[in-house]
C-alpha atoms as a PDB file:
ATOM      1  CA  MET A   1     118.421  94.850 225.397  1.00  0.00           C
ATOM      2  CA  LEU A   2     115.432  95.571 227.589  1.00  0.00           C
ATOM      3  CA  ILE A   3     112.667  97.811 226.280  1.00  0.00           C
ATOM      4  CA  THR A   4     109.407  98.963 227.816  1.00  0.00           C
ATOM      5  CA  THR A   5     106.336  99.782 225.765  1.00  0.00           C
ATOM      6  CA  ASP A   6     102.588 100.120 226.050  1.00  0.00           C
ATOM      7  CA  GLY A   7     100.640  97.826 223.763  1.00  0.00           C
ATOM      8  CA  LEU A   8      97.436  95.978 222.909  1.00  0.00           C
ATOM      9  CA  VAL A   9      97.368  92.189 222.640  1.00  0.00           C
ATOM     10  CA  ALA A  10      95.788  91.804 219.187  1.00  0.00           C
ATOM     11  CA  ARG A  11      96.458  88.104 218.584  1.00  0.00           C
ATOM     12  CA  VAL A  12      97.358  85.100 220.730  1.00  0.00           C
ATOM     13  CA  PHE A  13      98.587  81.851 219.195  1.00  0.00           C
ATOM     14  CA  ASP A  14     100.549  78.780 220.213  1.00  0.00           C
ATOM     15  CA  GLY A  15     103.759  77.623 218.603  1.00  0.00           C
ATOM     16  CA  SER A  16     105.568  74.327 218.676  1.00  0.00           C
ATOM     17  CA  GLY A  17     106.551  73.058 222.084  1.00  0.00           C
ATOM     18  CA  THR A  18     105.243  74.994 225.077  1.00  0.00           C
ATOM     19  CA  ASP A  19     105.788  78.565 223.896  1.00  0.00           C
ATOM     20  CA  ARG A  20     102.991  81.007 223.156  1.00  0.00           C
ATOM     21  CA  TYR A  21     103.124  84.099 220.959  1.00  0.00           C
ATOM     22  CA  ILE A  22     101.279  87.392 220.988  1.00  0.00           C
ATOM     23  CA  HIS A  23     101.045  90.149 218.429  1.00  0.00           C
ATOM     24  CA  LEU A  24     101.482  93.352 220.381  1.00  0.00           C
ATOM     25  CA  LEU A  25     100.306  96.593 218.754  1.00  0.00           C
ATOM     26  CA  THR A  26     102.354  99.455 220.149  1.00  0.00           C
ATOM     27  CA  PRO A  27     101.999 103.243 219.840  1.00  0.00           C
ATOM     28  CA  THR A  28     105.562 103.885 218.646  1.00  0.00           C
ATOM     29  CA  ARG A  29     107.063 100.571 217.501  1.00  0.00           C
ATOM     30  CA  GLY A  30     104.343  99.135 215.269  1.00  0.00           C
ATOM     31  CA  ARG A  31     103.440  95.468 215.576  1.00  0.00           C
ATOM     32  CA  LEU A  32     105.763  93.209 217.559  1.00  0.00           C
ATOM     33  CA  THR A  33     105.686  89.417 217.690  1.00  0.00           C
ATOM     34  CA  VAL A  34     106.486  88.535 221.300  1.00  0.00           C
ATOM     35  CA  THR A  35     107.423  85.071 222.552  1.00  0.00           C
ATOM     36  CA  ILE A  36     106.109  83.943 225.936  1.00  0.00           C
ATOM     37  CA  LYS A  37     108.374  81.146 227.138  1.00  0.00           C
ATOM     38  CA  ASN A  38     106.300  78.206 228.422  1.00  0.00           C
ATOM     39  CA  GLY A  39     103.243  80.375 227.808  1.00  0.00           C
ATOM     40  CA  GLN A  40     101.008  77.382 227.166  1.00  0.00           C
ATOM     41  CA  SER A  41     101.304  76.355 230.783  1.00  0.00           C
ATOM     42  CA  GLY A  42      98.659  78.948 231.713  1.00  0.00           C
ATOM     43  CA  ARG A  43     100.730  80.531 234.478  1.00  0.00           C
ATOM     44  CA  ALA A  44      98.481  82.829 236.488  1.00  0.00           C
ATOM     45  CA  SER A  45     101.313  85.347 236.888  1.00  0.00           C
ATOM     46  CA  ILE A  46     101.212  86.286 233.194  1.00  0.00           C
ATOM     47  CA  ALA A  47      97.655  85.360 232.194  1.00  0.00           C
ATOM     48  CA  SER A  48      96.116  88.696 233.139  1.00  0.00           C
ATOM     49  CA  TYR A  49      98.262  90.857 230.868  1.00  0.00           C
ATOM     50  CA  THR A  50      98.663  88.438 227.930  1.00  0.00           C
ATOM     51  CA  GLN A  51      94.963  87.836 227.255  1.00  0.00           C
ATOM     52  CA  LEU A  52      93.440  88.870 223.950  1.00  0.00           C
ATOM     53  CA  PHE A  53      92.197  92.497 223.813  1.00  0.00           C
ATOM     54  CA  THR A  54      94.308  93.561 226.818  1.00  0.00           C
ATOM     55  CA  TYR A  55      96.053  96.926 226.828  1.00  0.00           C
ATOM     56  CA  GLY A  56      98.973  97.221 229.187  1.00  0.00           C
ATOM     57  CA  ASN A  57     102.627  98.009 229.758  1.00  0.00           C
ATOM     58  CA  TYR A  58     105.161  95.393 228.730  1.00  0.00           C
ATOM     59  CA  GLU A  59     108.816  94.788 229.509  1.00  0.00           C
ATOM     60  CA  LEU A  60     110.461  92.955 226.639  1.00  0.00           C
ATOM     61  CA  TYR A  61     113.878  91.517 225.994  1.00  0.00           C
ATOM     62  CA  GLU A  62     114.990  92.251 222.420  1.00  0.00           C
ATOM     63  CA  LYS A  63     117.779  90.637 220.433  1.00  0.00           C
ATOM     64  CA  ASN A  64     118.166  90.772 216.641  1.00  0.00           C
ATOM     65  CA  LYS A  65     114.612  92.080 216.217  1.00  0.00           C
ATOM     66  CA  ARG A  66     113.137  89.184 218.203  1.00  0.00           C
ATOM     67  CA  TYR A  67     111.213  89.827 221.401  1.00  0.00           C
ATOM     68  CA  TRP A  68     110.602  87.846 224.579  1.00  0.00           C
ATOM     69  CA  LEU A  69     108.217  88.826 227.347  1.00  0.00           C
ATOM     70  CA  ARG A  70     109.832  89.641 230.675  1.00  0.00           C
ATOM     71  CA  ASN A  71     107.000  91.273 232.618  1.00  0.00           C
ATOM     72  CA  GLY A  72     103.838  93.285 232.226  1.00  0.00           C
ATOM     73  CA  SER A  73     100.868  94.984 233.813  1.00  0.00           C
ATOM     74  CA  VAL A  74      97.264  95.662 232.790  1.00  0.00           C
ATOM     75  CA  ALA A  75      96.087  99.192 232.034  1.00  0.00           C
ATOM     76  CA  HIS A  76      92.707  98.205 230.582  1.00  0.00           C
ATOM     77  CA  THR A  77      91.145  95.004 229.327  1.00  0.00           C
ATOM     78  CA  PHE A  78      88.439  94.398 226.741  1.00  0.00           C
ATOM     79  CA  TYR A  79      88.539  90.658 227.378  1.00  0.00           C
ATOM     80  CA  ASN A  80      84.808  90.574 228.182  1.00  0.00           C
ATOM     81  CA  LEU A  81      84.229  91.120 224.437  1.00  0.00           C
ATOM     82  CA  THR A  82      84.931  87.390 224.139  1.00  0.00           C
ATOM     83  CA  THR A  83      81.662  86.633 225.960  1.00  0.00           C
ATOM     84  CA  ASP A  84      79.617  88.003 223.031  1.00  0.00           C
ATOM     85  CA  LEU A  85      80.281  86.134 219.787  1.00  0.00           C
ATOM     86  CA  GLU A  86      79.389  88.991 217.419  1.00  0.00           C
ATOM     87  CA  LYS A  87      81.377  91.562 219.382  1.00  0.00           C
ATOM     88  CA  MET A  88      84.349  89.205 219.612  1.00  0.00           C
ATOM     89  CA  ALA A  89      84.221  88.529 215.858  1.00  0.00           C
ATOM     90  CA  LEU A  90      84.204  92.220 214.963  1.00  0.00           C
ATOM     91  CA  ALA A  91      86.928  93.069 217.485  1.00  0.00           C
ATOM     92  CA  SER A  92      89.095  90.250 216.097  1.00  0.00           C
ATOM     93  CA  TYR A  93      88.634  91.524 212.544  1.00  0.00           C
ATOM     94  CA  LEU A  94      89.576  95.081 213.495  1.00  0.00           C
ATOM     95  CA  CYS A  95      92.660  93.762 215.291  1.00  0.00           C
ATOM     96  CA  ASP A  96      93.625  91.707 212.229  1.00  0.00           C
ATOM     97  CA  LEU A  97      93.127  94.712 209.982  1.00  0.00           C
ATOM     98  CA  THR A  98      95.302  96.866 212.240  1.00  0.00           C
ATOM     99  CA  CYS A  99      97.989  94.173 212.263  1.00  0.00           C
ATOM    100  CA  GLU A 100      97.882  94.126 208.462  1.00  0.00           C
ATOM    101  CA  MET A 101      98.331  97.890 208.369  1.00  0.00           C
ATOM    102  CA  THR A 102     101.306  97.768 210.771  1.00  0.00           C
ATOM    103  CA  ASN A 103     103.085  94.667 209.540  1.00  0.00           C
ATOM    104  CA  ASP A 104     106.666  95.884 209.118  1.00  0.00           C
ATOM    105  CA  GLU A 105     107.737  94.892 212.638  1.00  0.00           C
ATOM    106  CA  GLU A 106     110.786  97.137 212.496  1.00  0.00           C
ATOM    107  CA  GLY A 107     110.673  97.649 216.232  1.00  0.00           C
ATOM    108  CA  GLU A 108     112.406 101.018 215.962  1.00  0.00           C
ATOM    109  CA  GLU A 109     110.830 103.714 218.080  1.00  0.00           C
ATOM    110  CA  THR A 110     109.089 106.371 215.976  1.00  0.00           C
ATOM    111  CA  ASP A 111     107.049 109.515 216.418  1.00  0.00           C
ATOM    112  CA  PRO A 112     103.863 108.432 218.294  1.00  0.00           C
ATOM    113  CA  ALA A 113     101.803 110.669 215.996  1.00  0.00           C
ATOM    114  CA  GLU A 114     102.720 108.523 213.005  1.00  0.00           C
ATOM    115  CA  GLU A 115     100.534 105.831 211.470  1.00  0.00           C
ATOM    116  CA  SER A 116     100.944 103.020 214.002  1.00  0.00           C
ATOM    117  CA  GLY A 117     100.034 105.286 216.907  1.00  0.00           C
ATOM    118  CA  ALA A 118      97.005 106.720 215.106  1.00  0.00           C
ATOM    119  CA  LEU A 119      95.792 103.247 214.146  1.00  0.00           C
ATOM    120  CA  LEU A 120      96.197 101.964 217.691  1.00  0.00           C
ATOM    121  CA  ARG A 121      94.284 104.912 219.141  1.00  0.00           C
ATOM    122  CA  MET A 122      91.484 104.334 216.641  1.00  0.00           C
ATOM    123  CA  LEU A 123      91.414 100.622 217.468  1.00  0.00           C
ATOM    124  CA  LEU A 124      91.195 101.269 221.208  1.00  0.00           C
ATOM    125  CA  ASN A 125      88.391 103.762 220.594  1.00  0.00           C
ATOM    126  CA  ALA A 126      86.553 101.219 218.433  1.00  0.00           C
ATOM    127  CA  LEU A 127      86.925  98.432 221.009  1.00  0.00           C
ATOM    128  CA  TYR A 128      85.512 100.736 223.671  1.00  0.00           C
ATOM    129  CA  VAL A 129      82.483 101.627 221.532  1.00  0.00           C
ATOM    130  CA  ILE A 130      81.889  97.961 220.648  1.00  0.00           C
ATOM    131  CA  HIS A 131      82.113  97.060 224.340  1.00  0.00           C
ATOM    132  CA  THR A 132      79.663  99.747 225.475  1.00  0.00           C
ATOM    133  CA  GLY A 133      77.264  99.268 222.563  1.00  0.00           C
ATOM    134  CA  GLU A 134      77.000 103.049 222.155  1.00  0.00           C
ATOM    135  CA  LYS A 135      76.864 102.728 218.360  1.00  0.00           C
ATOM    136  CA  PRO A 136      75.708  99.997 215.962  1.00  0.00           C
ATOM    137  CA  MET A 137      78.557  97.673 215.097  1.00  0.00           C
ATOM    138  CA  SER A 138      78.021  98.263 211.374  1.00  0.00           C
ATOM    139  CA  ILE A 139      78.849 101.950 211.879  1.00  0.00           C
ATOM    140  CA  VAL A 140      81.930 101.184 213.973  1.00  0.00           C
ATOM    141  CA  LYS A 141      83.125  98.725 211.338  1.00  0.00           C
ATOM    142  CA  GLY A 142      82.488 101.073 208.403  1.00  0.00           C
ATOM    143  CA  VAL A 143      84.165 104.076 210.001  1.00  0.00           C
ATOM    144  CA  PHE A 144      87.203 102.023 210.948  1.00  0.00           C
ATOM    145  CA  GLU A 145      87.547 100.610 207.429  1.00  0.00           C
ATOM    146  CA  LEU A 146      87.297 104.001 205.741  1.00  0.00           C
ATOM    147  CA  ARG A 147      89.787 105.625 208.106  1.00  0.00           C
ATOM    148  CA  ALA A 148      92.160 102.674 207.728  1.00  0.00           C
ATOM    149  CA  ALA A 149      91.947 103.008 203.941  1.00  0.00           C
ATOM    150  CA  ALA A 150      92.719 106.709 204.212  1.00  0.00           C
ATOM    151  CA  MET A 151      95.712 106.042 206.469  1.00  0.00           C
ATOM    152  CA  ALA A 152      97.007 103.581 203.887  1.00  0.00           C
ATOM    153  CA  GLY A 153      96.818 106.287 201.217  1.00  0.00           C
ATOM    154  CA  TYR A 154      93.605 105.122 199.541  1.00  0.00           C
ATOM    155  CA  ALA A 155      91.204 107.859 200.651  1.00  0.00           C
ATOM    156  CA  PRO A 156      88.461 108.362 198.037  1.00  0.00           C
ATOM    157  CA  SER A 157      87.683 111.864 196.800  1.00  0.00           C
ATOM    158  CA  VAL A 158      84.050 112.482 197.762  1.00  0.00           C
ATOM    159  CA  VAL A 159      83.912 116.294 197.814  1.00  0.00           C
ATOM    160  CA  GLY A 160      81.832 116.339 194.641  1.00  0.00           C
ATOM    161  CA  CYS A 161      81.135 114.532 191.384  1.00  0.00           C
ATOM    162  CA  ALA A 162      84.393 113.927 189.542  1.00  0.00           C
ATOM    163  CA  LEU A 163      82.708 114.810 186.225  1.00  0.00           C
ATOM    164  CA  CYS A 164      80.329 117.718 186.850  1.00  0.00           C
ATOM    165  CA  HIS A 165      81.588 118.748 190.327  1.00  0.00           C
ATOM    166  CA  GLU A 166      78.091 118.715 191.863  1.00  0.00           C
ATOM    167  CA  GLY A 167      78.680 118.812 195.596  1.00  0.00           C
ATOM    168  CA  HIS A 168      75.305 117.624 196.874  1.00  0.00           C
ATOM    169  CA  PRO A 169      73.874 114.979 194.549  1.00  0.00           C
ATOM    170  CA  ALA A 170      70.670 113.300 195.694  1.00  0.00           C
ATOM    171  CA  GLU A 171      72.066 109.989 194.453  1.00  0.00           C
ATOM    172  CA  SER A 172      75.585 109.093 193.456  1.00  0.00           C
ATOM    173  CA  TYR A 173      78.040 106.241 193.009  1.00  0.00           C
ATOM    174  CA  LEU A 174      81.415 105.554 194.530  1.00  0.00           C
ATOM    175  CA  ASP A 175      83.804 104.515 191.777  1.00  0.00           C
ATOM    176  CA  VAL A 176      85.788 102.146 193.982  1.00  0.00           C
ATOM    177  CA  MET A 177      88.835 101.462 191.842  1.00  0.00           C
ATOM    178  CA  ASN A 178      89.345 105.112 190.878  1.00  0.00           C
ATOM    179  CA  GLY A 179      88.478 106.436 194.343  1.00  0.00           C
ATOM    180  CA  ARG A 180      86.047 109.065 193.111  1.00  0.00           C
ATOM    181  CA  LEU A 181      82.411 110.119 193.291  1.00  0.00           C
ATOM    182  CA  ILE A 182      80.128 110.116 190.234  1.00  0.00           C
ATOM    183  CA  CYS A 183      76.631 111.563 190.466  1.00  0.00           C
ATOM    184  CA  ALA A 184      73.697 109.524 189.166  1.00  0.00           C
ATOM    185  CA  ASP A 185      73.021 111.988 186.337  1.00  0.00           C
ATOM    186  CA  CYS A 186      76.558 111.750 184.995  1.00  0.00           C
ATOM    187  CA  GLN A 187      76.554 107.995 185.368  1.00  0.00           C
ATOM    188  CA  THR A 188      73.332 107.729 183.384  1.00  0.00           C
ATOM    189  CA  LYS A 189      74.834 109.863 180.647  1.00  0.00           C
ATOM    190  CA  ARG A 190      77.814 107.536 180.473  1.00  0.00           C
ATOM    191  CA  ASN A 191      75.444 104.609 179.984  1.00  0.00           C
ATOM    192  CA  ARG A 192      77.320 102.713 182.667  1.00  0.00           C
ATOM    193  CA  ALA A 193      74.493 102.010 185.106  1.00  0.00           C
ATOM    194  CA  GLY A 194      70.889 102.808 185.909  1.00  0.00           C
ATOM    195  CA  GLY A 195      69.079 102.781 189.256  1.00  0.00           C
ATOM    196  CA  MET A 196      70.408 101.943 192.666  1.00  0.00           C
ATOM    197  CA  ILE A 197      72.381  98.779 191.960  1.00  0.00           C
ATOM    198  CA  THR A 198      75.991  97.764 192.340  1.00  0.00           C
ATOM    199  CA  GLN A 199      77.815  97.503 189.013  1.00  0.00           C
ATOM    200  CA  MET A 200      80.846  95.238 188.683  1.00  0.00           C
ATOM    201  CA  GLN A 201      82.331  94.754 185.253  1.00  0.00           C
ATOM    202  CA  ASP A 202      85.557  94.902 183.234  1.00  0.00           C
ATOM    203  CA  ASN A 203      86.270  97.846 180.978  1.00  0.00           C
ATOM    204  CA  GLU A 204      87.925  97.732 177.566  1.00  0.00           C
ATOM    205  CA  LEU A 205      91.387  97.625 179.173  1.00  0.00           C
ATOM    206  CA  GLY A 206      90.476  94.613 181.284  1.00  0.00           C
ATOM    207  CA  GLU A 207      90.406  96.669 184.462  1.00  0.00           C
ATOM    208  CA  ARG A 208      87.703  95.976 187.018  1.00  0.00           C
ATOM    209  CA  SER A 209      85.068  98.651 187.541  1.00  0.00           C
ATOM    210  CA  ILE A 210      83.037  98.700 190.746  1.00  0.00           C
ATOM    211  CA  LEU A 211      80.300 101.261 191.273  1.00  0.00           C
ATOM    212  CA  LEU A 212      78.568 101.389 194.659  1.00  0.00           C
ATOM    213  CA  PRO A 213      75.317 103.368 195.021  1.00  0.00           C
ATOM    214  CA  LEU A 214      75.245 106.117 197.652  1.00  0.00           C
ATOM    215  CA  SER A 215      72.164 107.855 198.967  1.00  0.00           C
ATOM    216  CA  SER A 216      72.688 111.418 200.151  1.00  0.00           C
ATOM    217  CA  SER A 217      72.719 110.300 203.793  1.00  0.00           C
ATOM    218  CA  VAL A 218      75.210 107.478 203.195  1.00  0.00           C
ATOM    219  CA  LEU A 219      77.414 109.908 201.247  1.00  0.00           C
ATOM    220  CA  ALA A 220      77.239 112.312 204.190  1.00  0.00           C
ATOM    221  CA  ALA A 221      78.278 109.470 206.518  1.00  0.00           C
ATOM    222  CA  VAL A 222      81.251 108.602 204.279  1.00  0.00           C
ATOM    223  CA  ARG A 223      82.339 112.238 204.233  1.00  0.00           C
ATOM    224  CA  TYR A 224      82.006 112.504 208.005  1.00  0.00           C
ATOM    225  CA  ALA A 225      83.950 109.286 208.642  1.00  0.00           C
ATOM    226  CA  LEU A 226      86.822 110.485 206.473  1.00  0.00           C
ATOM    227  CA  GLY A 227      86.946 114.059 207.745  1.00  0.00           C
ATOM    228  CA  ALA A 228      85.936 114.040 211.406  1.00  0.00           C
ATOM    229  CA  GLN A 229      88.340 114.708 214.241  1.00  0.00           C
ATOM    230  CA  GLU A 230      89.899 111.576 215.677  1.00  0.00           C
ATOM    231  CA  LYS A 231      87.897 111.653 218.918  1.00  0.00           C
ATOM    232  CA  LYS A 232      84.572 112.169 217.130  1.00  0.00           C
ATOM    233  CA  ILE A 233      84.731 109.669 214.272  1.00  0.00           C
ATOM    234  CA  PHE A 234      81.828 107.558 215.586  1.00  0.00           C
ATOM    235  CA  SER A 235      79.627 110.534 216.516  1.00  0.00           C
ATOM    236  CA  PHE A 236      76.920 110.255 213.882  1.00  0.00           C
ATOM    237  CA  THR A 237      73.807 108.216 213.188  1.00  0.00           C
ATOM    238  CA  LEU A 238      71.963 106.894 210.162  1.00  0.00           C
ATOM    239  CA  LYS A 239      68.182 106.706 210.045  1.00  0.00           C
ATOM    240  CA  ASP A 240      67.733 102.933 209.815  1.00  0.00           C
ATOM    241  CA  LYS A 241      69.505  99.590 209.638  1.00  0.00           C
ATOM    242  CA  GLY A 242      69.272  99.588 205.847  1.00  0.00           C
ATOM    243  CA  GLU A 243      71.404 102.710 205.583  1.00  0.00           C
ATOM    244  CA  GLU A 244      73.782 101.408 208.252  1.00  0.00           C
ATOM    245  CA  ALA A 245      74.240  98.222 206.200  1.00  0.00           C
ATOM    246  CA  ALA A 246      74.747 100.223 202.982  1.00  0.00           C
ATOM    247  CA  PHE A 247      77.389 102.393 204.669  1.00  0.00           C
ATOM    248  CA  ALA A 248      79.208  99.337 206.025  1.00  0.00           C
ATOM    249  CA  LYS A 249      79.111  97.631 202.611  1.00  0.00           C
ATOM    250  CA  VAL A 250      80.596 100.663 200.869  1.00  0.00           C
ATOM    251  CA  ALA A 251      83.433 100.912 203.398  1.00  0.00           C
ATOM    252  CA  GLU A 252      84.227  97.190 203.321  1.00  0.00           C
ATOM    253  CA  THR A 253      84.175  96.914 199.530  1.00  0.00           C
ATOM    254  CA  PHE A 254      86.377  99.968 199.103  1.00  0.00           C
ATOM    255  CA  LEU A 255      88.962  98.820 201.646  1.00  0.00           C
ATOM    256  CA  LEU A 256      89.234  95.175 200.586  1.00  0.00           C
ATOM    257  CA  ASN A 257      89.576  96.019 196.901  1.00  0.00           C
ATOM    258  CA  HIS A 258      92.440  98.407 197.608  1.00  0.00           C
ATOM    259  CA  LEU A 259      94.175  96.081 200.058  1.00  0.00           C
ATOM    260  CA  GLU A 260      93.589  93.261 197.549  1.00  0.00           C
ATOM    261  CA  ARG A 261      93.019  90.676 200.256  1.00  0.00           C
ATOM    262  CA  GLY A 262      90.369  89.278 202.558  1.00  0.00           C
ATOM    263  CA  PHE A 263      90.329  88.295 206.236  1.00  0.00           C
ATOM    264  CA  ASP A 264      89.178  85.049 207.831  1.00  0.00           C
ATOM    265  CA  THR A 265      87.984  87.015 210.846  1.00  0.00           C
ATOM    266  CA  LEU A 266      85.799  89.159 208.566  1.00  0.00           C
ATOM    267  CA  ASP A 267      84.256  86.029 207.058  1.00  0.00           C
ATOM    268  CA  PHE A 268      83.612  84.768 210.584  1.00  0.00           C
ATOM    269  CA  TYR A 269      81.980  88.067 211.557  1.00  0.00           C
ATOM    270  CA  HIS A 270      79.615  87.859 208.593  1.00  0.00           C
ATOM    271  CA  SER A 271      78.769  84.230 209.396  1.00  0.00           C
ATOM    272  CA  VAL A 272      77.936  85.191 212.987  1.00  0.00           C
ATOM    273  CA  LYS A 273      75.669  88.040 211.837  1.00  0.00           C
ATOM    274  CA  LYS A 274      73.789  85.640 209.560  1.00  0.00           C
END
């Protein structure tokens, strides 16, 4: 059966023999693993639309939930991200994260407003912002991670302190594992932490407790990232690189602890930044 779909080339890897494979993120069919017969030969006729970070239209042959590339065309390419090591590393991580969030590979066409379509739109938006440099990469990364966590059903409740319901604490903590906000006053009363440090410990039940400090501006950024309209999710600033780094750390720690896994591309991104 022949199918036609738009999609973003999120991964490219070689198999045994001469075949090449791509992970294609689609708006309505999730993530598809597509075989390119003799793809390692570097044929110019297919190179343009099978490069990493290319968004295009693809004609695929499908049989028993396996897919082979028949033809394609380029709608937009972010391939020039590969000329900047830090941008390439972050883009690769966001692609890996999106693949992880759309890993069922059912291939059945669904409502484009559902999760895979929303994730793909967010990824394309993020790649564009990384490419243009309109926003610091730490903000792009943090927003993407928080929104991805929310789409996976892990959105933290940050409307107010979970204990006293204070809505605008000057300082607070994100209780990562319970997905809730605790103001500094309540945390002090609980004798769990003091000052602006990250607390990681096991409670009496052997469950891990992770408390991440939030300044009022970082809390505002977290709230904005979770609640903003899709087209405006990157439309905010933080006052300095320290707050940008704190925001990114909160988002990354929250997401990875709920996904319960890491990413090699994330490790590579951090090594490049260092």
